[in-house]
N, C-alpha and C. Protein backbone atom coordinates (compact mmCIF):
# COMPACT_ATOMS: atom_id res chain seq x y z
N MET A 1 30.00 26.62 0.08
CA MET A 1 31.19 25.80 -0.12
C MET A 1 32.33 26.36 0.72
N PRO A 2 33.31 25.51 1.07
CA PRO A 2 34.41 25.98 1.91
C PRO A 2 35.11 27.22 1.37
N LEU A 3 35.31 27.31 0.04
CA LEU A 3 36.01 28.47 -0.51
C LEU A 3 35.20 29.75 -0.32
N VAL A 4 33.88 29.64 -0.29
CA VAL A 4 33.03 30.80 -0.03
C VAL A 4 33.18 31.24 1.42
N ALA A 5 33.30 30.29 2.31
CA ALA A 5 33.35 30.59 3.74
C ALA A 5 34.73 31.02 4.20
N TYR A 6 35.77 30.70 3.46
CA TYR A 6 37.15 30.94 3.88
C TYR A 6 37.40 32.39 4.31
N PRO A 7 37.01 33.39 3.51
CA PRO A 7 37.28 34.78 3.94
C PRO A 7 36.63 35.13 5.27
N HIS A 8 35.49 34.55 5.56
CA HIS A 8 34.81 34.85 6.82
C HIS A 8 35.60 34.30 8.01
N LEU A 9 36.26 33.15 7.81
CA LEU A 9 37.11 32.60 8.86
C LEU A 9 38.27 33.55 9.15
N LYS A 10 38.88 34.07 8.10
CA LYS A 10 40.06 34.91 8.27
C LYS A 10 39.72 36.31 8.76
N GLU A 11 38.50 36.76 8.51
CA GLU A 11 38.13 38.13 8.87
C GLU A 11 37.50 38.23 10.25
N HIS A 12 37.26 37.11 10.91
CA HIS A 12 36.61 37.15 12.22
C HIS A 12 37.52 37.88 13.21
N GLU A 13 36.97 38.83 13.95
CA GLU A 13 37.77 39.66 14.83
C GLU A 13 38.46 38.85 15.93
N LEU A 14 39.65 39.31 16.30
CA LEU A 14 40.33 38.72 17.45
C LEU A 14 39.57 39.08 18.72
N PRO A 15 39.59 38.21 19.72
CA PRO A 15 38.82 38.48 20.94
C PRO A 15 39.58 39.32 21.96
N TRP A 16 40.51 40.15 21.50
CA TRP A 16 41.19 41.09 22.39
C TRP A 16 41.48 42.36 21.61
N SER A 17 41.68 43.45 22.32
CA SER A 17 41.94 44.73 21.67
C SER A 17 43.40 44.82 21.24
N ALA A 18 43.69 45.78 20.37
CA ALA A 18 45.05 45.95 19.87
C ALA A 18 46.02 46.33 20.97
N THR A 19 45.52 46.89 22.06
CA THR A 19 46.38 47.33 23.16
C THR A 19 46.43 46.32 24.32
N ALA A 20 45.82 45.16 24.14
CA ALA A 20 45.79 44.17 25.23
C ALA A 20 47.22 43.72 25.56
N PRO A 21 47.59 43.66 26.83
CA PRO A 21 48.93 43.22 27.22
C PRO A 21 49.10 41.72 26.98
N LEU A 22 50.35 41.29 26.93
CA LEU A 22 50.66 39.89 26.66
C LEU A 22 49.94 38.92 27.59
N PRO A 23 49.94 39.13 28.91
CA PRO A 23 49.26 38.16 29.79
C PRO A 23 47.80 37.97 29.42
N LEU A 24 47.11 39.06 29.08
CA LEU A 24 45.70 38.96 28.73
C LEU A 24 45.52 38.26 27.39
N ARG A 25 46.40 38.52 26.43
CA ARG A 25 46.31 37.84 25.13
C ARG A 25 46.49 36.34 25.29
N ILE A 26 47.44 35.94 26.12
CA ILE A 26 47.70 34.51 26.32
C ILE A 26 46.50 33.84 26.99
N ALA A 27 45.98 34.47 28.05
CA ALA A 27 44.83 33.90 28.75
C ALA A 27 43.61 33.83 27.86
N THR A 28 43.40 34.87 27.07
CA THR A 28 42.24 34.90 26.16
C THR A 28 42.41 33.88 25.06
N PHE A 29 43.62 33.76 24.52
CA PHE A 29 43.84 32.78 23.45
C PHE A 29 43.53 31.37 23.92
N ARG A 30 43.93 31.04 25.15
CA ARG A 30 43.66 29.68 25.65
C ARG A 30 42.15 29.38 25.61
N GLU A 31 41.36 30.30 26.10
CA GLU A 31 39.91 30.09 26.12
C GLU A 31 39.35 30.06 24.70
N TYR A 32 39.84 30.94 23.85
CA TYR A 32 39.34 31.06 22.48
C TYR A 32 39.71 29.84 21.64
N ALA A 33 40.96 29.37 21.77
CA ALA A 33 41.39 28.20 21.00
C ALA A 33 40.57 26.96 21.37
N LEU A 34 40.30 26.78 22.66
CA LEU A 34 39.49 25.64 23.08
C LEU A 34 38.06 25.76 22.56
N ALA A 35 37.52 26.99 22.54
CA ALA A 35 36.16 27.20 22.03
C ALA A 35 36.11 26.92 20.53
N LEU A 36 37.12 27.38 19.78
CA LEU A 36 37.14 27.12 18.34
C LEU A 36 37.30 25.63 18.05
N ALA A 37 38.19 24.98 18.78
CA ALA A 37 38.45 23.56 18.53
C ALA A 37 37.24 22.70 18.85
N ALA A 38 36.34 23.20 19.69
CA ALA A 38 35.15 22.43 20.06
C ALA A 38 34.00 22.61 19.08
N LEU A 39 34.12 23.55 18.13
CA LEU A 39 33.01 23.81 17.21
C LEU A 39 32.85 22.66 16.22
N LEU A 40 31.61 22.32 15.95
CA LEU A 40 31.29 21.35 14.92
C LEU A 40 31.11 22.06 13.58
N PRO A 41 31.18 21.35 12.45
CA PRO A 41 30.94 21.99 11.15
C PRO A 41 29.60 22.73 11.14
N PRO A 42 29.50 23.80 10.34
CA PRO A 42 28.32 24.66 10.38
C PRO A 42 26.99 23.94 10.15
N GLN A 43 27.01 22.85 9.37
CA GLN A 43 25.73 22.22 9.05
C GLN A 43 25.26 21.27 10.14
N LEU A 44 26.07 21.04 11.16
CA LEU A 44 25.71 20.07 12.19
C LEU A 44 25.24 20.76 13.45
N GLY A 45 24.50 20.02 14.26
CA GLY A 45 24.04 20.55 15.54
C GLY A 45 25.12 20.48 16.58
N GLU A 46 24.81 20.96 17.76
CA GLU A 46 25.77 20.99 18.85
C GLU A 46 25.54 19.82 19.80
N CYS A 47 25.40 18.62 19.26
CA CYS A 47 25.14 17.45 20.09
C CYS A 47 26.23 16.41 19.89
N LEU A 48 26.62 15.79 20.98
CA LEU A 48 27.57 14.70 20.93
C LEU A 48 26.86 13.43 21.38
N SER A 49 27.11 12.34 20.71
CA SER A 49 26.40 11.12 21.05
C SER A 49 27.28 9.91 20.87
N ALA A 50 27.18 8.97 21.79
CA ALA A 50 27.85 7.69 21.63
C ALA A 50 26.97 6.73 20.85
N ALA A 51 25.70 7.12 20.65
CA ALA A 51 24.76 6.28 19.92
C ALA A 51 24.83 6.59 18.42
N ALA A 52 24.02 5.92 17.64
CA ALA A 52 24.00 6.15 16.20
C ALA A 52 23.43 7.53 15.90
N GLU A 53 23.73 8.02 14.69
CA GLU A 53 23.23 9.34 14.30
C GLU A 53 21.70 9.40 14.35
N PHE A 54 21.04 8.31 14.01
CA PHE A 54 19.57 8.30 14.02
C PHE A 54 19.05 8.56 15.42
N ASP A 55 19.70 7.91 16.41
CA ASP A 55 19.26 8.09 17.79
C ASP A 55 19.41 9.54 18.22
N CYS A 56 20.50 10.18 17.77
CA CYS A 56 20.74 11.55 18.20
C CYS A 56 19.80 12.51 17.48
N ALA A 57 19.70 12.37 16.17
CA ALA A 57 18.95 13.34 15.37
C ALA A 57 17.44 13.16 15.50
N VAL A 58 16.96 11.93 15.59
CA VAL A 58 15.53 11.66 15.55
C VAL A 58 14.95 11.39 16.93
N ARG A 59 15.61 10.56 17.68
CA ARG A 59 15.06 10.17 18.98
C ARG A 59 15.55 11.08 20.11
N GLY A 60 16.54 11.92 19.83
CA GLY A 60 17.02 12.84 20.85
C GLY A 60 17.87 12.21 21.92
N LEU A 61 18.41 11.03 21.65
CA LEU A 61 19.21 10.33 22.66
C LEU A 61 20.68 10.74 22.52
N CYS A 62 20.97 11.99 22.81
CA CYS A 62 22.35 12.47 22.71
C CYS A 62 22.61 13.50 23.80
N ALA A 63 23.88 13.73 24.06
CA ALA A 63 24.26 14.73 25.07
C ALA A 63 24.48 16.06 24.36
N CYS A 64 23.65 17.04 24.67
CA CYS A 64 23.74 18.34 24.02
C CYS A 64 24.29 19.37 25.00
N PHE A 65 25.12 20.27 24.48
CA PHE A 65 25.79 21.24 25.32
C PHE A 65 25.44 22.65 24.86
N PRO A 66 25.32 23.61 25.78
CA PRO A 66 25.14 25.00 25.37
C PRO A 66 26.30 25.44 24.49
N ASP A 67 26.03 26.41 23.59
CA ASP A 67 27.02 26.82 22.61
C ASP A 67 28.31 27.32 23.23
N THR A 68 28.25 27.96 24.39
CA THR A 68 29.43 28.59 24.95
C THR A 68 30.15 27.73 25.97
N VAL A 69 29.70 26.51 26.18
CA VAL A 69 30.34 25.65 27.17
C VAL A 69 31.69 25.17 26.66
N THR A 70 32.75 25.32 27.48
CA THR A 70 34.06 24.78 27.12
C THR A 70 34.60 23.87 28.20
N GLY A 71 33.83 23.60 29.23
CA GLY A 71 34.31 22.77 30.31
C GLY A 71 34.04 21.30 30.07
N GLY A 72 34.56 20.46 30.97
CA GLY A 72 34.26 19.04 30.96
C GLY A 72 34.69 18.32 29.71
N ARG A 73 33.78 17.48 29.20
CA ARG A 73 34.10 16.63 28.05
C ARG A 73 34.48 17.44 26.83
N ARG A 74 33.82 18.56 26.61
CA ARG A 74 34.10 19.34 25.40
C ARG A 74 35.50 19.93 25.46
N ALA A 75 35.92 20.46 26.60
CA ALA A 75 37.27 21.02 26.73
C ALA A 75 38.32 19.94 26.55
N ASP A 76 38.08 18.75 27.10
CA ASP A 76 39.02 17.65 26.93
C ASP A 76 39.17 17.28 25.46
N ALA A 77 38.04 17.20 24.75
CA ALA A 77 38.08 16.88 23.32
C ALA A 77 38.81 17.97 22.54
N ALA A 78 38.61 19.23 22.92
CA ALA A 78 39.28 20.34 22.24
C ALA A 78 40.78 20.27 22.46
N ARG A 79 41.21 19.96 23.67
CA ARG A 79 42.65 19.84 23.94
C ARG A 79 43.25 18.69 23.14
N ARG A 80 42.54 17.59 23.05
CA ARG A 80 43.04 16.46 22.26
C ARG A 80 43.19 16.86 20.80
N ALA A 81 42.22 17.61 20.28
CA ALA A 81 42.29 18.07 18.89
C ALA A 81 43.51 18.96 18.68
N ILE A 82 43.76 19.88 19.60
CA ILE A 82 44.91 20.78 19.46
C ILE A 82 46.21 20.00 19.54
N ARG A 83 46.30 19.02 20.44
CA ARG A 83 47.51 18.19 20.51
C ARG A 83 47.72 17.45 19.20
N ARG A 84 46.63 16.95 18.61
CA ARG A 84 46.76 16.24 17.34
C ARG A 84 47.22 17.17 16.23
N TRP A 85 46.69 18.40 16.21
CA TRP A 85 47.12 19.37 15.20
C TRP A 85 48.61 19.68 15.34
N VAL A 86 49.07 19.82 16.59
CA VAL A 86 50.48 20.12 16.83
C VAL A 86 51.36 19.01 16.27
N VAL A 87 50.99 17.77 16.56
CA VAL A 87 51.78 16.63 16.07
C VAL A 87 51.75 16.58 14.55
N ASP A 88 50.57 16.73 13.96
CA ASP A 88 50.44 16.65 12.50
C ASP A 88 51.29 17.71 11.80
N ARG A 89 51.38 18.89 12.39
CA ARG A 89 52.04 20.01 11.72
C ARG A 89 53.51 20.17 12.07
N TYR A 90 53.88 19.73 13.28
CA TYR A 90 55.22 20.07 13.75
C TYR A 90 56.09 18.88 14.14
N ALA A 91 55.61 17.66 13.98
CA ALA A 91 56.37 16.51 14.45
C ALA A 91 57.74 16.41 13.79
N ALA A 92 57.84 16.87 12.54
CA ALA A 92 59.11 16.76 11.81
C ALA A 92 59.87 18.08 11.77
N ILE A 93 59.56 19.00 12.66
CA ILE A 93 60.14 20.34 12.55
C ILE A 93 61.64 20.36 12.83
N ASP A 94 62.14 19.38 13.60
CA ASP A 94 63.58 19.35 13.87
C ASP A 94 64.30 18.38 12.94
N ASP A 95 63.62 17.90 11.91
CA ASP A 95 64.23 17.01 10.91
C ASP A 95 65.00 17.88 9.91
N THR A 96 66.30 17.72 9.83
CA THR A 96 67.11 18.56 8.94
C THR A 96 66.78 18.34 7.47
N ARG A 97 66.10 17.24 7.16
CA ARG A 97 65.67 17.03 5.77
C ARG A 97 64.50 17.94 5.42
N VAL A 98 63.84 18.50 6.43
CA VAL A 98 62.71 19.40 6.19
C VAL A 98 63.21 20.84 6.15
N VAL A 99 63.72 21.34 7.25
CA VAL A 99 64.30 22.68 7.32
C VAL A 99 65.51 22.62 8.25
N ARG A 100 66.68 22.92 7.74
CA ARG A 100 67.88 22.86 8.54
C ARG A 100 67.88 23.98 9.59
N GLY A 101 68.14 23.62 10.83
CA GLY A 101 68.23 24.60 11.90
C GLY A 101 66.92 24.95 12.57
N MET A 102 65.79 24.44 12.04
CA MET A 102 64.49 24.81 12.62
C MET A 102 64.32 24.26 14.02
N GLY A 103 64.86 23.07 14.27
CA GLY A 103 64.76 22.49 15.61
C GLY A 103 65.40 23.37 16.66
N ARG A 104 66.60 23.89 16.36
CA ARG A 104 67.29 24.76 17.32
C ARG A 104 66.51 26.06 17.53
N ALA A 105 65.94 26.59 16.44
CA ALA A 105 65.15 27.82 16.56
C ALA A 105 63.93 27.60 17.43
N GLN A 106 63.29 26.44 17.29
CA GLN A 106 62.11 26.15 18.10
C GLN A 106 62.48 25.91 19.56
N CYS A 107 63.65 25.33 19.81
CA CYS A 107 64.09 25.17 21.20
C CYS A 107 64.25 26.54 21.85
N ALA A 108 64.86 27.47 21.12
CA ALA A 108 65.02 28.82 21.65
C ALA A 108 63.66 29.47 21.88
N ALA A 109 62.72 29.22 20.96
CA ALA A 109 61.37 29.79 21.11
C ALA A 109 60.68 29.22 22.34
N HIS A 110 60.86 27.93 22.60
CA HIS A 110 60.24 27.32 23.79
C HIS A 110 60.82 27.93 25.07
N ARG A 111 62.13 28.11 25.09
CA ARG A 111 62.73 28.71 26.29
C ARG A 111 62.23 30.14 26.49
N ARG A 112 62.12 30.88 25.38
CA ARG A 112 61.63 32.25 25.48
C ARG A 112 60.18 32.27 25.94
N PHE A 113 59.36 31.36 25.41
CA PHE A 113 57.96 31.34 25.81
C PHE A 113 57.83 31.01 27.29
N GLU A 114 58.62 30.05 27.76
CA GLU A 114 58.56 29.70 29.17
C GLU A 114 58.93 30.89 30.05
N ARG A 115 59.94 31.66 29.63
CA ARG A 115 60.30 32.86 30.39
C ARG A 115 59.17 33.88 30.36
N ASP A 116 58.60 34.09 29.15
CA ASP A 116 57.52 35.07 29.02
C ASP A 116 56.30 34.64 29.83
N LEU A 117 55.99 33.34 29.81
CA LEU A 117 54.82 32.84 30.51
C LEU A 117 54.98 33.01 32.01
N VAL A 118 56.17 32.69 32.51
CA VAL A 118 56.41 32.81 33.94
C VAL A 118 56.36 34.28 34.36
N SER A 119 56.96 35.14 33.54
CA SER A 119 57.00 36.55 33.91
C SER A 119 55.65 37.24 33.74
N SER A 120 54.86 36.75 32.77
CA SER A 120 53.58 37.42 32.50
C SER A 120 52.46 36.92 33.40
N SER A 121 52.54 35.65 33.85
CA SER A 121 51.51 35.07 34.72
C SER A 121 50.11 35.37 34.19
N PRO A 122 49.69 34.66 33.11
CA PRO A 122 48.36 34.93 32.54
C PRO A 122 47.27 34.91 33.60
N PRO A 123 46.46 35.94 33.68
CA PRO A 123 45.44 36.02 34.74
C PRO A 123 44.29 35.07 34.46
N PRO A 124 43.65 34.56 35.50
CA PRO A 124 42.43 33.77 35.27
C PRO A 124 41.33 34.68 34.75
N LEU A 125 40.59 34.18 33.77
CA LEU A 125 39.49 34.97 33.21
C LEU A 125 38.25 34.83 34.07
N SER A 126 37.47 35.86 34.13
CA SER A 126 36.21 35.79 34.85
C SER A 126 35.23 34.90 34.07
N ALA A 127 34.22 34.40 34.76
CA ALA A 127 33.21 33.58 34.09
C ALA A 127 32.52 34.37 32.99
N ARG A 128 32.32 35.64 33.23
CA ARG A 128 31.68 36.50 32.22
C ARG A 128 32.54 36.60 30.96
N ASP A 129 33.86 36.82 31.14
CA ASP A 129 34.75 36.92 30.00
C ASP A 129 34.83 35.60 29.25
N ALA A 130 34.91 34.51 29.98
CA ALA A 130 34.99 33.19 29.34
C ALA A 130 33.74 32.91 28.53
N THR A 131 32.59 33.29 29.05
CA THR A 131 31.33 33.10 28.33
C THR A 131 31.32 33.94 27.05
N TRP A 132 31.79 35.17 27.15
CA TRP A 132 31.82 36.04 25.97
C TRP A 132 32.76 35.49 24.91
N ILE A 133 33.92 34.97 25.30
CA ILE A 133 34.87 34.43 24.35
C ILE A 133 34.28 33.21 23.64
N GLY A 134 33.60 32.34 24.40
CA GLY A 134 32.95 31.20 23.77
C GLY A 134 31.89 31.63 22.79
N ALA A 135 31.11 32.66 23.15
CA ALA A 135 30.09 33.16 22.24
C ALA A 135 30.70 33.79 21.00
N HIS A 136 31.83 34.45 21.16
CA HIS A 136 32.52 35.06 20.02
C HIS A 136 32.99 33.99 19.05
N ALA A 137 33.51 32.89 19.58
CA ALA A 137 33.93 31.78 18.71
C ALA A 137 32.72 31.20 17.98
N HIS A 138 31.63 31.03 18.72
CA HIS A 138 30.45 30.43 18.10
C HIS A 138 29.80 31.36 17.09
N ALA A 139 30.00 32.67 17.24
CA ALA A 139 29.43 33.62 16.29
C ALA A 139 30.00 33.41 14.89
N LEU A 140 31.24 32.93 14.83
CA LEU A 140 31.84 32.64 13.52
C LEU A 140 31.08 31.52 12.83
N ARG A 141 30.79 30.47 13.58
CA ARG A 141 30.04 29.35 13.00
C ARG A 141 28.64 29.79 12.58
N ASP A 142 28.00 30.62 13.39
CA ASP A 142 26.67 31.12 13.04
C ASP A 142 26.72 31.97 11.78
N LYS A 143 27.79 32.75 11.62
CA LYS A 143 27.94 33.58 10.43
C LYS A 143 28.01 32.71 9.17
N LEU A 144 28.72 31.60 9.27
CA LEU A 144 28.84 30.70 8.11
C LEU A 144 27.50 30.03 7.80
N ARG A 145 26.73 29.76 8.82
CA ARG A 145 25.42 29.13 8.59
C ARG A 145 24.46 30.07 7.88
N ARG A 146 24.69 31.38 8.01
CA ARG A 146 23.79 32.36 7.39
C ARG A 146 24.25 32.82 6.01
N LEU A 147 25.34 32.26 5.52
CA LEU A 147 25.84 32.69 4.21
C LEU A 147 24.83 32.38 3.10
N PRO A 148 24.79 33.21 2.06
CA PRO A 148 23.94 32.89 0.90
C PRO A 148 24.37 31.55 0.30
N HIS A 149 23.45 30.87 -0.30
CA HIS A 149 23.71 29.57 -0.92
C HIS A 149 24.21 28.54 0.09
N ARG A 150 23.85 28.73 1.37
CA ARG A 150 24.20 27.76 2.41
C ARG A 150 25.70 27.48 2.39
N GLY A 151 26.48 28.57 2.51
CA GLY A 151 27.92 28.49 2.31
C GLY A 151 28.65 27.51 3.19
N GLY A 152 28.17 27.26 4.39
CA GLY A 152 28.89 26.34 5.26
C GLY A 152 28.37 24.93 5.22
N GLU A 153 27.40 24.66 4.37
CA GLU A 153 26.71 23.38 4.44
C GLU A 153 27.59 22.21 4.03
N HIS A 154 28.55 22.44 3.15
CA HIS A 154 29.27 21.32 2.55
C HIS A 154 30.62 21.04 3.20
N TYR A 155 30.81 21.52 4.40
CA TYR A 155 32.03 21.19 5.13
C TYR A 155 31.96 19.76 5.62
N SER A 156 32.94 18.95 5.22
CA SER A 156 33.10 17.65 5.86
C SER A 156 33.80 17.88 7.19
N HIS A 157 33.77 16.87 8.05
CA HIS A 157 34.48 17.01 9.33
C HIS A 157 35.96 17.30 9.09
N ALA A 158 36.57 16.59 8.14
CA ALA A 158 38.01 16.75 7.88
C ALA A 158 38.33 18.15 7.37
N THR A 159 37.50 18.65 6.44
CA THR A 159 37.74 19.98 5.90
C THR A 159 37.56 21.05 6.96
N TRP A 160 36.50 20.92 7.75
CA TRP A 160 36.25 21.89 8.81
C TRP A 160 37.39 21.90 9.83
N GLU A 161 37.85 20.73 10.22
CA GLU A 161 38.93 20.66 11.20
C GLU A 161 40.21 21.30 10.65
N LEU A 162 40.48 21.08 9.36
CA LEU A 162 41.66 21.70 8.75
C LEU A 162 41.56 23.22 8.78
N GLU A 163 40.39 23.75 8.44
CA GLU A 163 40.20 25.19 8.42
C GLU A 163 40.32 25.79 9.83
N VAL A 164 39.73 25.11 10.80
CA VAL A 164 39.79 25.62 12.17
C VAL A 164 41.21 25.53 12.72
N ALA A 165 41.93 24.46 12.39
CA ALA A 165 43.32 24.34 12.82
C ALA A 165 44.16 25.48 12.25
N ASN A 166 43.93 25.81 10.97
CA ASN A 166 44.64 26.93 10.36
C ASN A 166 44.32 28.24 11.08
N LEU A 167 43.04 28.41 11.40
CA LEU A 167 42.61 29.64 12.08
C LEU A 167 43.24 29.74 13.47
N VAL A 168 43.21 28.65 14.22
CA VAL A 168 43.79 28.66 15.57
C VAL A 168 45.29 28.97 15.50
N GLU A 169 45.97 28.42 14.52
CA GLU A 169 47.40 28.69 14.36
C GLU A 169 47.65 30.16 14.04
N ASP A 170 46.82 30.74 13.18
CA ASP A 170 46.95 32.16 12.85
C ASP A 170 46.70 33.04 14.08
N VAL A 171 45.68 32.70 14.86
CA VAL A 171 45.36 33.49 16.04
C VAL A 171 46.48 33.36 17.09
N ALA A 172 47.09 32.19 17.18
CA ALA A 172 48.23 32.02 18.09
C ALA A 172 49.36 32.96 17.70
N GLY A 173 49.63 33.07 16.39
CA GLY A 173 50.65 33.99 15.93
C GLY A 173 50.31 35.43 16.24
N ALA A 174 49.02 35.77 16.13
CA ALA A 174 48.58 37.13 16.45
C ALA A 174 48.73 37.42 17.95
N ALA A 175 48.62 36.39 18.77
CA ALA A 175 48.69 36.57 20.22
C ALA A 175 50.11 36.79 20.71
N VAL A 176 51.06 36.01 20.19
CA VAL A 176 52.42 36.04 20.75
C VAL A 176 53.50 36.19 19.69
N GLY A 177 53.13 36.27 18.41
CA GLY A 177 54.12 36.30 17.34
C GLY A 177 54.28 34.91 16.75
N ALA A 178 54.56 34.86 15.44
CA ALA A 178 54.62 33.58 14.73
C ALA A 178 55.66 32.64 15.33
N GLU A 179 56.79 33.20 15.81
CA GLU A 179 57.86 32.34 16.30
C GLU A 179 57.50 31.64 17.60
N LEU A 180 56.51 32.15 18.33
CA LEU A 180 56.10 31.53 19.59
C LEU A 180 54.76 30.81 19.50
N ALA A 181 54.22 30.72 18.27
CA ALA A 181 52.90 30.09 18.11
C ALA A 181 52.92 28.62 18.54
N LEU A 182 53.96 27.87 18.17
CA LEU A 182 54.01 26.45 18.53
C LEU A 182 54.04 26.24 20.04
N PRO A 183 54.95 26.89 20.79
CA PRO A 183 54.89 26.66 22.25
C PRO A 183 53.58 27.10 22.88
N LEU A 184 52.96 28.13 22.34
CA LEU A 184 51.65 28.54 22.88
C LEU A 184 50.61 27.45 22.63
N LEU A 185 50.58 26.88 21.43
CA LEU A 185 49.64 25.82 21.12
C LEU A 185 49.90 24.60 22.00
N GLU A 186 51.15 24.28 22.23
CA GLU A 186 51.48 23.14 23.09
C GLU A 186 51.00 23.40 24.52
N TRP A 187 51.18 24.62 24.98
CA TRP A 187 50.76 24.96 26.34
C TRP A 187 49.25 24.81 26.48
N VAL A 188 48.49 25.27 25.48
CA VAL A 188 47.04 25.17 25.54
C VAL A 188 46.60 23.71 25.45
N GLY A 189 47.21 22.95 24.55
CA GLY A 189 46.81 21.56 24.36
C GLY A 189 47.37 20.60 25.39
N GLY A 190 48.38 21.04 26.12
CA GLY A 190 48.97 20.17 27.13
C GLY A 190 49.94 19.17 26.56
N SER A 191 50.59 19.51 25.43
CA SER A 191 51.57 18.60 24.82
C SER A 191 52.98 19.09 25.09
N SER A 192 53.97 18.27 24.75
CA SER A 192 55.36 18.63 25.00
C SER A 192 56.25 18.25 23.84
N LEU A 193 55.71 18.34 22.62
CA LEU A 193 56.47 17.94 21.44
C LEU A 193 57.76 18.72 21.33
N GLY A 194 57.66 20.06 21.40
CA GLY A 194 58.85 20.89 21.24
C GLY A 194 59.84 20.73 22.36
N SER A 195 59.37 20.72 23.61
CA SER A 195 60.28 20.59 24.74
C SER A 195 60.94 19.22 24.75
N ALA A 196 60.22 18.19 24.31
CA ALA A 196 60.81 16.85 24.23
C ALA A 196 61.92 16.82 23.18
N ALA A 197 61.66 17.48 22.04
CA ALA A 197 62.67 17.55 20.98
C ALA A 197 63.90 18.30 21.46
N CYS A 198 63.70 19.37 22.25
CA CYS A 198 64.83 20.12 22.80
C CYS A 198 65.65 19.25 23.73
N THR A 199 64.96 18.47 24.57
CA THR A 199 65.66 17.58 25.50
C THR A 199 66.48 16.53 24.75
N ALA A 200 65.86 15.96 23.68
CA ALA A 200 66.56 14.96 22.88
C ALA A 200 67.77 15.57 22.20
N SER A 201 67.63 16.79 21.67
CA SER A 201 68.75 17.46 20.99
C SER A 201 69.88 17.75 21.97
N SER A 202 69.49 18.16 23.21
CA SER A 202 70.49 18.45 24.23
C SER A 202 71.27 17.20 24.59
N HIS A 203 70.59 16.07 24.69
CA HIS A 203 71.26 14.81 25.02
C HIS A 203 72.23 14.40 23.93
N MET A 204 71.82 14.61 22.66
CA MET A 204 72.66 14.26 21.53
C MET A 204 73.91 15.15 21.52
N MET A 205 73.75 16.43 21.82
CA MET A 205 74.88 17.36 21.81
C MET A 205 75.91 17.00 22.88
N HIS A 206 75.42 16.46 23.99
CA HIS A 206 76.30 16.12 25.10
C HIS A 206 76.69 14.64 25.11
N GLY A 207 76.33 13.93 24.03
CA GLY A 207 76.73 12.54 23.90
C GLY A 207 76.06 11.60 24.85
N GLN A 208 74.86 11.95 25.32
CA GLN A 208 74.15 11.08 26.27
C GLN A 208 73.25 10.11 25.54
């Protein structure tokens, strides 16, 4: 059951050492977040299909990907998932009815992240490192599949996605600090929710 599997999600090791510099943490997080977002619930196979489930499961008419692949269609789907998580969690962050002043704080965080990103210049990862990071993400799913009493078997797609979104958010905070987690997630997913809100706030302040 999900509650049985929850501690294993939280205890999975970060894919960088405690002494890893910021540029390496950012580059590694990007690869790791996409690998996590691409994982299917533990009870399902690693196949994507436009056909019916019967065709995929029984007749084999589906597109199957190696566990560590994050390129192409799978990476695009992972980025879309991360963008959706960002909107679901942060779309109202500058609404004063939710938390007063949070919008201004996030604008400052976005500016700081942009400065840090430019100054740190995250290095491109080698193919070997990228493969290892994908395998590390997939090892979490394999661990859940091996739990006693089939601990990961009862994850619905919605429950699994919620748990993985929480995990990705936690790992983002571990990479750059909680205050910069949102801009990091936006950078990985390719969204501009926070920067757009900052632009809108700036226009309002200047009467535009």
